[in-house]
Amino acid sequence: MDSALSFLQTLSPPHQALAATIFTWGLTALGASLVLFTRGVSSRLLSAAQGLAAGVMLAASFWSLLSPALEMAEAQGMVPWIPAAVGLLLGAAFVAGIDKVLPHLHPGFARDQAEGVPVRWSQGALLLAAMTIHNLPEGMAVGVSFGGAGQGVEGATLGSAMALALGIGLQNLPEGLAVALPLYAAGLSRWRAFMFGQASALVEPVGGYFGALFVVNALPFLPYALSFAAGAMIFVVIEELIPESQRSGHTDLATLAALGGFVGMMILDVALG
């Protein structure tokens, strides 16, 4: 961890965010690569993984994003809750708008259950779009976190940004497999299923780099930017992760995994931040 911190300190905030989100993409690719060696994963494991991801994202939304946003807003002489509330609602509305328009299909659903504008895309393309909606807020969150830390603002630290990237990266491991396995089961080759799975997180480096770049050039808006990223992630958790974690009937397991993910991310953020 110390060597990673030393390396990141030599980079500009946008390049720190880019390096961190390449790491989170890499863990998605690692998870997707399991499709090359396995035929399936139990529904219990997938429910637990989705619950874990929900807990991690909820904890990250507060400890790494909303809490620093409140501290920064107060330090800048603002009414602290206004940027947090406005940014959170705008972030949720942004992802909700994409969700309504962009054609996509959540893992485990039939082709005729695709959401968004009707198109004739392949199942793989629709699954890829769904995970893009999921992963874009994660990349943005990492980006604005590194951007705030790089500007030396109160409440944002490099350790906290690293904790956020690590937490998101760990919960990305099962996500790549969750995209790849249904495609393999639908008839794609193992290699093509892997390629779709890893590609689902390619948007994270894009969101991370430009999120940090925005913050560096618009520092007064940082409390809004942090809250925007939090709202986007919270929307994904409520609209997608929690319902999907409960869909297979393993409700107690998914709930316990969500609680574990929340506590683990909280400890990680406080310890490193």
C-alpha atoms as a PDB file:
ATOM      1  CA  MET A   1       0.000   0.000   0.000  1.00  0.00           C
ATOM      2  CA  ASP A   2       2.859   2.387   0.826  1.00  0.00           C
ATOM      3  CA  SER A   3       4.487   1.798  -2.566  1.00  0.00           C
ATOM      4  CA  ALA A   4       1.173   2.427  -4.330  1.00  0.00           C
ATOM      5  CA  LEU A   5       0.739   5.646  -2.349  1.00  0.00           C
ATOM      6  CA  SER A   6       4.246   6.784  -3.235  1.00  0.00           C
ATOM      7  CA  PHE A   7       3.638   6.068  -6.913  1.00  0.00           C
ATOM      8  CA  LEU A   8       0.319   7.936  -6.967  1.00  0.00           C
ATOM      9  CA  GLN A   9       1.881  10.966  -5.276  1.00  0.00           C
ATOM     10  CA  THR A  10       4.119  11.433  -8.335  1.00  0.00           C
ATOM     11  CA  LEU A  11       1.084  11.788 -10.645  1.00  0.00           C
ATOM     12  CA  SER A  12      -1.381  14.580 -11.295  1.00  0.00           C
ATOM     13  CA  PRO A  13      -4.929  14.027  -9.908  1.00  0.00           C
ATOM     14  CA  PRO A  14      -6.432  13.068 -13.317  1.00  0.00           C
ATOM     15  CA  HIS A  15      -3.647  10.555 -13.873  1.00  0.00           C
ATOM     16  CA  GLN A  16      -4.023   9.263 -10.311  1.00  0.00           C
ATOM     17  CA  ALA A  17      -7.702   8.662 -11.049  1.00  0.00           C
ATOM     18  CA  LEU A  18      -6.851   7.041 -14.362  1.00  0.00           C
ATOM     19  CA  ALA A  19      -4.380   4.656 -12.703  1.00  0.00           C
ATOM     20  CA  ALA A  20      -6.885   3.811  -9.958  1.00  0.00           C
ATOM     21  CA  THR A  21      -9.725   3.120 -12.385  1.00  0.00           C
ATOM     22  CA  ILE A  22      -7.494   1.011 -14.617  1.00  0.00           C
ATOM     23  CA  PHE A  23      -6.968  -1.032 -11.452  1.00  0.00           C
ATOM     24  CA  THR A  24     -10.753  -1.327 -10.898  1.00  0.00           C
ATOM     25  CA  TRP A  25     -11.205  -2.336 -14.551  1.00  0.00           C
ATOM     26  CA  GLY A  26      -8.446  -4.914 -14.140  1.00  0.00           C
ATOM     27  CA  LEU A  27     -10.302  -6.592 -11.288  1.00  0.00           C
ATOM     28  CA  THR A  28     -13.446  -6.705 -13.439  1.00  0.00           C
ATOM     29  CA  ALA A  29     -11.408  -8.394 -16.167  1.00  0.00           C
ATOM     30  CA  LEU A  30     -10.003 -10.826 -13.602  1.00  0.00           C
ATOM     31  CA  GLY A  31     -13.511 -11.748 -12.518  1.00  0.00           C
ATOM     32  CA  ALA A  32     -14.672 -12.135 -16.119  1.00  0.00           C
ATOM     33  CA  SER A  33     -11.699 -14.400 -16.875  1.00  0.00           C
ATOM     34  CA  LEU A  34     -13.202 -17.070 -14.620  1.00  0.00           C
ATOM     35  CA  VAL A  35     -15.643 -17.821 -17.445  1.00  0.00           C
ATOM     36  CA  LEU A  36     -12.679 -19.359 -19.280  1.00  0.00           C
ATOM     37  CA  PHE A  37     -12.448 -22.071 -16.617  1.00  0.00           C
ATOM     38  CA  THR A  38     -15.931 -22.584 -15.172  1.00  0.00           C
ATOM     39  CA  ARG A  39     -19.400 -23.417 -16.470  1.00  0.00           C
ATOM     40  CA  GLY A  40     -21.396 -21.642 -13.802  1.00  0.00           C
ATOM     41  CA  VAL A  41     -21.618 -20.125 -10.340  1.00  0.00           C
ATOM     42  CA  SER A  42     -24.290 -20.834  -7.738  1.00  0.00           C
ATOM     43  CA  SER A  43     -27.122 -18.337  -7.373  1.00  0.00           C
ATOM     44  CA  ARG A  44     -26.240 -18.058  -3.671  1.00  0.00           C
ATOM     45  CA  LEU A  45     -22.772 -16.786  -4.528  1.00  0.00           C
ATOM     46  CA  LEU A  46     -24.093 -14.274  -7.042  1.00  0.00           C
ATOM     47  CA  SER A  47     -26.701 -13.009  -4.564  1.00  0.00           C
ATOM     48  CA  ALA A  48     -23.995 -12.577  -1.940  1.00  0.00           C
ATOM     49  CA  ALA A  49     -21.747 -10.775  -4.430  1.00  0.00           C
ATOM     50  CA  GLN A  50     -24.515  -8.366  -5.418  1.00  0.00           C
ATOM     51  CA  GLY A  51     -25.336  -7.718  -1.764  1.00  0.00           C
ATOM     52  CA  LEU A  52     -21.670  -7.112  -1.020  1.00  0.00           C
ATOM     53  CA  ALA A  53     -21.436  -4.645  -3.911  1.00  0.00           C
ATOM     54  CA  ALA A  54     -24.521  -2.807  -2.636  1.00  0.00           C
ATOM     55  CA  GLY A  55     -23.018  -2.446   0.836  1.00  0.00           C
ATOM     56  CA  VAL A  56     -19.658  -1.262  -0.482  1.00  0.00           C
ATOM     57  CA  MET A  57     -21.263   1.343  -2.740  1.00  0.00           C
ATOM     58  CA  LEU A  58     -23.569   2.651  -0.003  1.00  0.00           C
ATOM     59  CA  ALA A  59     -20.692   3.017   2.465  1.00  0.00           C
ATOM     60  CA  ALA A  60     -18.480   4.638  -0.170  1.00  0.00           C
ATOM     61  CA  SER A  61     -21.264   7.064  -1.058  1.00  0.00           C
ATOM     62  CA  PHE A  62     -21.293   8.426   2.483  1.00  0.00           C
ATOM     63  CA  TRP A  63     -17.788   8.016   3.881  1.00  0.00           C
ATOM     64  CA  SER A  64     -15.848   8.847   0.709  1.00  0.00           C
ATOM     65  CA  LEU A  65     -18.227  11.310  -0.963  1.00  0.00           C
ATOM     66  CA  LEU A  66     -21.094  12.827   1.047  1.00  0.00           C
ATOM     67  CA  SER A  67     -19.206  13.303   4.309  1.00  0.00           C
ATOM     68  CA  PRO A  68     -16.285  15.144   2.618  1.00  0.00           C
ATOM     69  CA  ALA A  69     -18.810  17.166   0.599  1.00  0.00           C
ATOM     70  CA  LEU A  70     -20.499  18.369   3.798  1.00  0.00           C
ATOM     71  CA  GLU A  71     -17.135  19.292   5.364  1.00  0.00           C
ATOM     72  CA  MET A  72     -15.983  21.170   2.255  1.00  0.00           C
ATOM     73  CA  ALA A  73     -19.246  23.058   1.884  1.00  0.00           C
ATOM     74  CA  GLU A  74     -19.063  24.210   5.490  1.00  0.00           C
ATOM     75  CA  ALA A  75     -15.413  25.256   5.086  1.00  0.00           C
ATOM     76  CA  GLN A  76     -16.385  27.314   2.014  1.00  0.00           C
ATOM     77  CA  GLY A  77     -19.077  29.135   3.991  1.00  0.00           C
ATOM     78  CA  MET A  78     -22.026  27.363   2.350  1.00  0.00           C
ATOM     79  CA  VAL A  79     -25.067  25.910   4.066  1.00  0.00           C
ATOM     80  CA  PRO A  80     -23.591  22.381   4.252  1.00  0.00           C
ATOM     81  CA  TRP A  81     -26.666  20.361   3.321  1.00  0.00           C
ATOM     82  CA  ILE A  82     -27.538  22.344   0.178  1.00  0.00           C
ATOM     83  CA  PRO A  83     -24.668  21.148  -2.082  1.00  0.00           C
ATOM     84  CA  ALA A  84     -25.054  17.609  -0.703  1.00  0.00           C
ATOM     85  CA  ALA A  85     -28.799  17.478  -1.363  1.00  0.00           C
ATOM     86  CA  VAL A  86     -28.692  19.206  -4.750  1.00  0.00           C
ATOM     87  CA  GLY A  87     -25.711  17.190  -6.003  1.00  0.00           C
ATOM     88  CA  LEU A  88     -27.157  13.882  -4.801  1.00  0.00           C
ATOM     89  CA  LEU A  89     -30.506  14.458  -6.525  1.00  0.00           C
ATOM     90  CA  LEU A  90     -28.829  15.597  -9.737  1.00  0.00           C
ATOM     91  CA  GLY A  91     -26.570  12.523  -9.765  1.00  0.00           C
ATOM     92  CA  ALA A  92     -29.534  10.201  -9.257  1.00  0.00           C
ATOM     93  CA  ALA A  93     -31.514  11.997 -11.959  1.00  0.00           C
ATOM     94  CA  PHE A  94     -28.564  11.734 -14.366  1.00  0.00           C
ATOM     95  CA  VAL A  95     -28.319   7.949 -14.030  1.00  0.00           C
ATOM     96  CA  ALA A  96     -32.118   7.589 -14.060  1.00  0.00           C
ATOM     97  CA  GLY A  97     -32.202   9.464 -17.379  1.00  0.00           C
ATOM     98  CA  ILE A  98     -29.555   7.200 -18.889  1.00  0.00           C
ATOM     99  CA  ASP A  99     -31.431   4.169 -17.541  1.00  0.00           C
ATOM    100  CA  LYS A 100     -34.633   5.250 -19.269  1.00  0.00           C
ATOM    101  CA  VAL A 101     -33.011   5.964 -22.638  1.00  0.00           C
ATOM    102  CA  LEU A 102     -30.034   3.634 -23.113  1.00  0.00           C
ATOM    103  CA  PRO A 103     -31.072   0.111 -24.227  1.00  0.00           C
ATOM    104  CA  HIS A 104     -29.791  -2.420 -21.702  1.00  0.00           C
ATOM    105  CA  LEU A 105     -30.430  -5.824 -20.174  1.00  0.00           C
ATOM    106  CA  HIS A 106     -29.609  -6.771 -16.598  1.00  0.00           C
ATOM    107  CA  PRO A 107     -27.776 -10.080 -16.020  1.00  0.00           C
ATOM    108  CA  GLY A 108     -30.118 -13.011 -15.491  1.00  0.00           C
ATOM    109  CA  PHE A 109     -33.053 -11.497 -17.388  1.00  0.00           C
ATOM    110  CA  ALA A 110     -34.508 -12.733 -20.683  1.00  0.00           C
ATOM    111  CA  ARG A 111     -33.821 -10.842 -23.924  1.00  0.00           C
ATOM    112  CA  ASP A 112     -37.422  -9.561 -24.099  1.00  0.00           C
ATOM    113  CA  GLN A 113     -37.004  -7.895 -20.676  1.00  0.00           C
ATOM    114  CA  ALA A 114     -34.542  -5.325 -21.999  1.00  0.00           C
ATOM    115  CA  GLU A 115     -35.093  -1.751 -20.811  1.00  0.00           C
ATOM    116  CA  GLY A 116     -34.632   1.612 -22.526  1.00  0.00           C
ATOM    117  CA  VAL A 117     -35.362   2.510 -26.120  1.00  0.00           C
ATOM    118  CA  PRO A 118     -36.282  -0.662 -28.119  1.00  0.00           C
ATOM    119  CA  VAL A 119     -33.449  -1.779 -30.416  1.00  0.00           C
ATOM    120  CA  ARG A 120     -32.262  -4.952 -32.140  1.00  0.00           C
ATOM    121  CA  TRP A 121     -28.970  -5.169 -30.295  1.00  0.00           C
ATOM    122  CA  SER A 122     -27.492  -8.534 -29.371  1.00  0.00           C
ATOM    123  CA  GLN A 123     -27.853  -9.855 -25.840  1.00  0.00           C
ATOM    124  CA  GLY A 124     -24.167  -9.206 -25.254  1.00  0.00           C
ATOM    125  CA  ALA A 125     -24.432  -5.569 -26.306  1.00  0.00           C
ATOM    126  CA  LEU A 126     -27.461  -5.065 -24.042  1.00  0.00           C
ATOM    127  CA  LEU A 127     -25.673  -6.630 -21.060  1.00  0.00           C
ATOM    128  CA  LEU A 128     -22.630  -4.484 -21.757  1.00  0.00           C
ATOM    129  CA  ALA A 129     -24.818  -1.358 -21.782  1.00  0.00           C
ATOM    130  CA  ALA A 130     -26.372  -2.331 -18.428  1.00  0.00           C
ATOM    131  CA  MET A 131     -22.991  -2.670 -16.757  1.00  0.00           C
ATOM    132  CA  THR A 132     -21.860   0.593 -18.351  1.00  0.00           C
ATOM    133  CA  ILE A 133     -24.723   2.351 -16.557  1.00  0.00           C
ATOM    134  CA  HIS A 134     -23.560   0.637 -13.373  1.00  0.00           C
ATOM    135  CA  ASN A 135     -19.852   1.337 -13.745  1.00  0.00           C
ATOM    136  CA  LEU A 136     -19.881   4.947 -14.962  1.00  0.00           C
ATOM    137  CA  PRO A 137     -20.872   6.359 -11.541  1.00  0.00           C
ATOM    138  CA  GLU A 138     -18.141   4.281  -9.919  1.00  0.00           C
ATOM    139  CA  GLY A 139     -15.494   5.743 -12.218  1.00  0.00           C
ATOM    140  CA  MET A 140     -16.817   9.263 -11.636  1.00  0.00           C
ATOM    141  CA  ALA A 141     -16.753   8.725  -7.874  1.00  0.00           C
ATOM    142  CA  VAL A 142     -13.112   7.658  -7.924  1.00  0.00           C
ATOM    143  CA  GLY A 143     -12.238  10.587 -10.196  1.00  0.00           C
ATOM    144  CA  VAL A 144     -13.795  13.338  -8.092  1.00  0.00           C
ATOM    145  CA  SER A 145     -12.334  11.773  -4.956  1.00  0.00           C
ATOM    146  CA  PHE A 146      -8.785  11.912  -6.353  1.00  0.00           C
ATOM    147  CA  GLY A 147      -9.456  15.381  -7.745  1.00  0.00           C
ATOM    148  CA  GLY A 148     -10.474  16.684  -4.334  1.00  0.00           C
ATOM    149  CA  ALA A 149      -7.505  15.038  -2.615  1.00  0.00           C
ATOM    150  CA  GLY A 150      -5.137  16.531  -5.187  1.00  0.00           C
ATOM    151  CA  GLN A 151      -6.417  20.026  -4.480  1.00  0.00           C
ATOM    152  CA  GLY A 152      -5.762  19.666  -0.760  1.00  0.00           C
ATOM    153  CA  VAL A 153      -9.325  20.468   0.266  1.00  0.00           C
ATOM    154  CA  GLU A 154     -10.569  19.655   3.747  1.00  0.00           C
ATOM    155  CA  GLY A 155     -12.168  16.225   4.081  1.00  0.00           C
ATOM    156  CA  ALA A 156     -10.529  14.700   0.984  1.00  0.00           C
ATOM    157  CA  THR A 157      -7.325  12.664   1.299  1.00  0.00           C
ATOM    158  CA  LEU A 158      -5.324  10.478  -1.032  1.00  0.00           C
ATOM    159  CA  GLY A 159      -5.783   7.571   1.369  1.00  0.00           C
ATOM    160  CA  SER A 160      -9.554   7.957   1.264  1.00  0.00           C
ATOM    161  CA  ALA A 161      -9.515   8.065  -2.547  1.00  0.00           C
ATOM    162  CA  MET A 162      -7.380   4.907  -2.606  1.00  0.00           C
ATOM    163  CA  ALA A 163      -9.779   3.206  -0.204  1.00  0.00           C
ATOM    164  CA  LEU A 164     -12.673   4.063  -2.503  1.00  0.00           C
ATOM    165  CA  ALA A 165     -10.850   2.656  -5.541  1.00  0.00           C
ATOM    166  CA  LEU A 166      -9.910  -0.508  -3.634  1.00  0.00           C
ATOM    167  CA  GLY A 167     -13.453  -1.062  -2.381  1.00  0.00           C
ATOM    168  CA  ILE A 168     -14.968  -0.572  -5.822  1.00  0.00           C
ATOM    169  CA  GLY A 169     -12.312  -2.777  -7.384  1.00  0.00           C
ATOM    170  CA  LEU A 170     -13.001  -5.659  -4.994  1.00  0.00           C
ATOM    171  CA  GLN A 171     -16.726  -5.595  -5.645  1.00  0.00           C
ATOM    172  CA  ASN A 172     -15.995  -5.467  -9.390  1.00  0.00           C
ATOM    173  CA  LEU A 173     -14.532  -8.987  -9.255  1.00  0.00           C
ATOM    174  CA  PRO A 174     -17.894 -10.795  -9.370  1.00  0.00           C
ATOM    175  CA  GLU A 175     -19.440  -8.225 -11.719  1.00  0.00           C
ATOM    176  CA  GLY A 176     -17.319  -9.230 -14.689  1.00  0.00           C
ATOM    177  CA  LEU A 177     -18.307 -12.853 -14.167  1.00  0.00           C
ATOM    178  CA  ALA A 178     -21.970 -11.853 -13.777  1.00  0.00           C
ATOM    179  CA  VAL A 179     -21.842 -10.439 -17.317  1.00  0.00           C
ATOM    180  CA  ALA A 180     -19.710 -13.174 -18.868  1.00  0.00           C
ATOM    181  CA  LEU A 181     -21.542 -16.261 -17.565  1.00  0.00           C
ATOM    182  CA  PRO A 182     -25.003 -15.522 -19.049  1.00  0.00           C
ATOM    183  CA  LEU A 183     -23.388 -14.849 -22.421  1.00  0.00           C
ATOM    184  CA  TYR A 184     -21.519 -18.146 -22.320  1.00  0.00           C
ATOM    185  CA  ALA A 185     -24.728 -19.911 -21.327  1.00  0.00           C
ATOM    186  CA  ALA A 186     -26.505 -18.210 -24.260  1.00  0.00           C
ATOM    187  CA  GLY A 187     -24.044 -19.732 -26.748  1.00  0.00           C
ATOM    188  CA  LEU A 188     -21.121 -17.330 -27.041  1.00  0.00           C
ATOM    189  CA  SER A 189     -17.629 -18.771 -26.919  1.00  0.00           C
ATOM    190  CA  ARG A 190     -15.752 -18.508 -23.644  1.00  0.00           C
ATOM    191  CA  TRP A 191     -13.389 -15.948 -25.175  1.00  0.00           C
ATOM    192  CA  ARG A 192     -16.174 -13.686 -26.494  1.00  0.00           C
ATOM    193  CA  ALA A 193     -18.016 -13.933 -23.180  1.00  0.00           C
ATOM    194  CA  PHE A 194     -14.816 -12.884 -21.391  1.00  0.00           C
ATOM    195  CA  MET A 195     -14.307  -9.945 -23.759  1.00  0.00           C
ATOM    196  CA  PHE A 196     -17.825  -8.652 -23.103  1.00  0.00           C
ATOM    197  CA  GLY A 197     -17.347  -9.135 -19.372  1.00  0.00           C
ATOM    198  CA  GLN A 198     -14.129  -7.146 -19.129  1.00  0.00           C
ATOM    199  CA  ALA A 199     -15.429  -4.458 -21.492  1.00  0.00           C
ATOM    200  CA  SER A 200     -18.256  -3.720 -19.066  1.00  0.00           C
ATOM    201  CA  ALA A 201     -15.826  -1.722 -16.880  1.00  0.00           C
ATOM    202  CA  LEU A 202     -13.902   0.099 -19.614  1.00  0.00           C
ATOM    203  CA  VAL A 203     -16.032   3.169 -18.928  1.00  0.00           C
ATOM    204  CA  GLU A 204     -14.559   3.471 -15.420  1.00  0.00           C
ATOM    205  CA  PRO A 205     -11.178   4.916 -16.523  1.00  0.00           C
ATOM    206  CA  VAL A 206     -13.050   7.393 -18.724  1.00  0.00           C
ATOM    207  CA  GLY A 207     -15.302   8.500 -15.855  1.00  0.00           C
ATOM    208  CA  GLY A 208     -12.368   8.587 -13.451  1.00  0.00           C
ATOM    209  CA  TYR A 209     -10.099  10.720 -15.619  1.00  0.00           C
ATOM    210  CA  PHE A 210     -12.695  13.278 -16.626  1.00  0.00           C
ATOM    211  CA  GLY A 211     -14.206  13.371 -13.133  1.00  0.00           C
ATOM    212  CA  ALA A 212     -10.833  14.356 -11.681  1.00  0.00           C
ATOM    213  CA  LEU A 213     -10.174  16.792 -14.529  1.00  0.00           C
ATOM    214  CA  PHE A 214     -13.479  18.551 -13.858  1.00  0.00           C
ATOM    215  CA  VAL A 215     -12.713  18.934 -10.160  1.00  0.00           C
ATOM    216  CA  VAL A 216      -9.217  20.291 -10.794  1.00  0.00           C
ATOM    217  CA  ASN A 217     -10.642  22.995 -13.054  1.00  0.00           C
ATOM    218  CA  ALA A 218     -13.796  23.740 -11.071  1.00  0.00           C
ATOM    219  CA  LEU A 219     -12.776  23.476  -7.415  1.00  0.00           C
ATOM    220  CA  PRO A 220     -15.695  25.552  -5.990  1.00  0.00           C
ATOM    221  CA  PHE A 221     -18.081  22.922  -7.377  1.00  0.00           C
ATOM    222  CA  LEU A 222     -16.339  20.028  -5.632  1.00  0.00           C
ATOM    223  CA  PRO A 223     -19.019  19.558  -2.907  1.00  0.00           C
ATOM    224  CA  TYR A 224     -21.601  19.303  -5.672  1.00  0.00           C
ATOM    225  CA  ALA A 225     -19.410  16.942  -7.709  1.00  0.00           C
ATOM    226  CA  LEU A 226     -18.817  14.591  -4.778  1.00  0.00           C
ATOM    227  CA  SER A 227     -22.525  14.553  -3.951  1.00  0.00           C
ATOM    228  CA  PHE A 228     -23.397  14.031  -7.627  1.00  0.00           C
ATOM    229  CA  ALA A 229     -21.227  10.907  -7.734  1.00  0.00           C
ATOM    230  CA  ALA A 230     -22.785   9.690  -4.484  1.00  0.00           C
ATOM    231  CA  GLY A 231     -26.295  10.175  -5.837  1.00  0.00           C
ATOM    232  CA  ALA A 232     -25.436   8.291  -9.009  1.00  0.00           C
ATOM    233  CA  MET A 233     -24.073   5.330  -7.020  1.00  0.00           C
ATOM    234  CA  ILE A 234     -26.982   5.298  -4.560  1.00  0.00           C
ATOM    235  CA  PHE A 235     -29.437   5.203  -7.469  1.00  0.00           C
ATOM    236  CA  VAL A 236     -27.669   2.153  -8.906  1.00  0.00           C
ATOM    237  CA  VAL A 237     -27.770   0.417  -5.514  1.00  0.00           C
ATOM    238  CA  ILE A 238     -31.486   1.045  -4.948  1.00  0.00           C
ATOM    239  CA  GLU A 239     -32.679   0.515  -8.519  1.00  0.00           C
ATOM    240  CA  GLU A 240     -30.457  -2.407  -9.474  1.00  0.00           C
ATOM    241  CA  LEU A 241     -28.198  -4.093  -6.944  1.00  0.00           C
ATOM    242  CA  ILE A 242     -30.528  -4.586  -3.986  1.00  0.00           C
ATOM    243  CA  PRO A 243     -33.488  -5.911  -6.043  1.00  0.00           C
ATOM    244  CA  GLU A 244     -31.219  -8.229  -8.044  1.00  0.00           C
ATOM    245  CA  SER A 245     -29.498  -9.544  -4.922  1.00  0.00           C
ATOM    246  CA  GLN A 246     -32.918 -10.569  -3.558  1.00  0.00           C
ATOM    247  CA  ARG A 247     -34.333 -11.981  -6.805  1.00  0.00           C
ATOM    248  CA  SER A 248     -33.026 -15.544  -6.372  1.00  0.00           C
ATOM    249  CA  GLY A 249     -34.668 -15.909  -2.965  1.00  0.00           C
ATOM    250  CA  HIS A 250     -31.475 -15.793  -0.886  1.00  0.00           C
ATOM    251  CA  THR A 251     -32.648 -12.678   0.946  1.00  0.00           C
ATOM    252  CA  ASP A 252     -30.929 -13.272   4.294  1.00  0.00           C
ATOM    253  CA  LEU A 253     -27.604 -14.060   2.641  1.00  0.00           C
ATOM    254  CA  ALA A 254     -27.785 -10.983   0.401  1.00  0.00           C
ATOM    255  CA  THR A 255     -28.684  -8.757   3.367  1.00  0.00           C
ATOM    256  CA  LEU A 256     -25.813 -10.080   5.473  1.00  0.00           C
ATOM    257  CA  ALA A 257     -23.421  -9.603   2.559  1.00  0.00           C
ATOM    258  CA  ALA A 258     -24.627  -6.005   2.136  1.00  0.00           C
ATOM    259  CA  LEU A 259     -24.033  -5.306   5.826  1.00  0.00           C
ATOM    260  CA  GLY A 260     -20.586  -6.882   5.591  1.00  0.00           C
ATOM    261  CA  GLY A 261     -19.748  -4.815   2.518  1.00  0.00           C
ATOM    262  CA  PHE A 262     -20.869  -1.622   4.254  1.00  0.00           C
ATOM    263  CA  VAL A 263     -18.844  -2.301   7.394  1.00  0.00           C
ATOM    264  CA  GLY A 264     -15.783  -3.397   5.414  1.00  0.00           C
ATOM    265  CA  MET A 265     -15.818  -0.289   3.231  1.00  0.00           C
ATOM    266  CA  MET A 266     -16.371   1.951   6.275  1.00  0.00           C
ATOM    267  CA  ILE A 267     -13.371   0.424   8.051  1.00  0.00           C
ATOM    268  CA  LEU A 268     -11.244   0.674   4.892  1.00  0.00           C
ATOM    269  CA  ASP A 269     -12.106   4.320   4.368  1.00  0.00           C
ATOM    270  CA  VAL A 270     -11.565   5.363   7.977  1.00  0.00           C
ATOM    271  CA  ALA A 271      -8.321   3.375   8.274  1.00  0.00           C
ATOM    272  CA  LEU A 272      -6.797   4.771   5.078  1.00  0.00           C
ATOM    273  CA  GLY A 273      -8.427   8.207   5.162  1.00  0.00           C
END
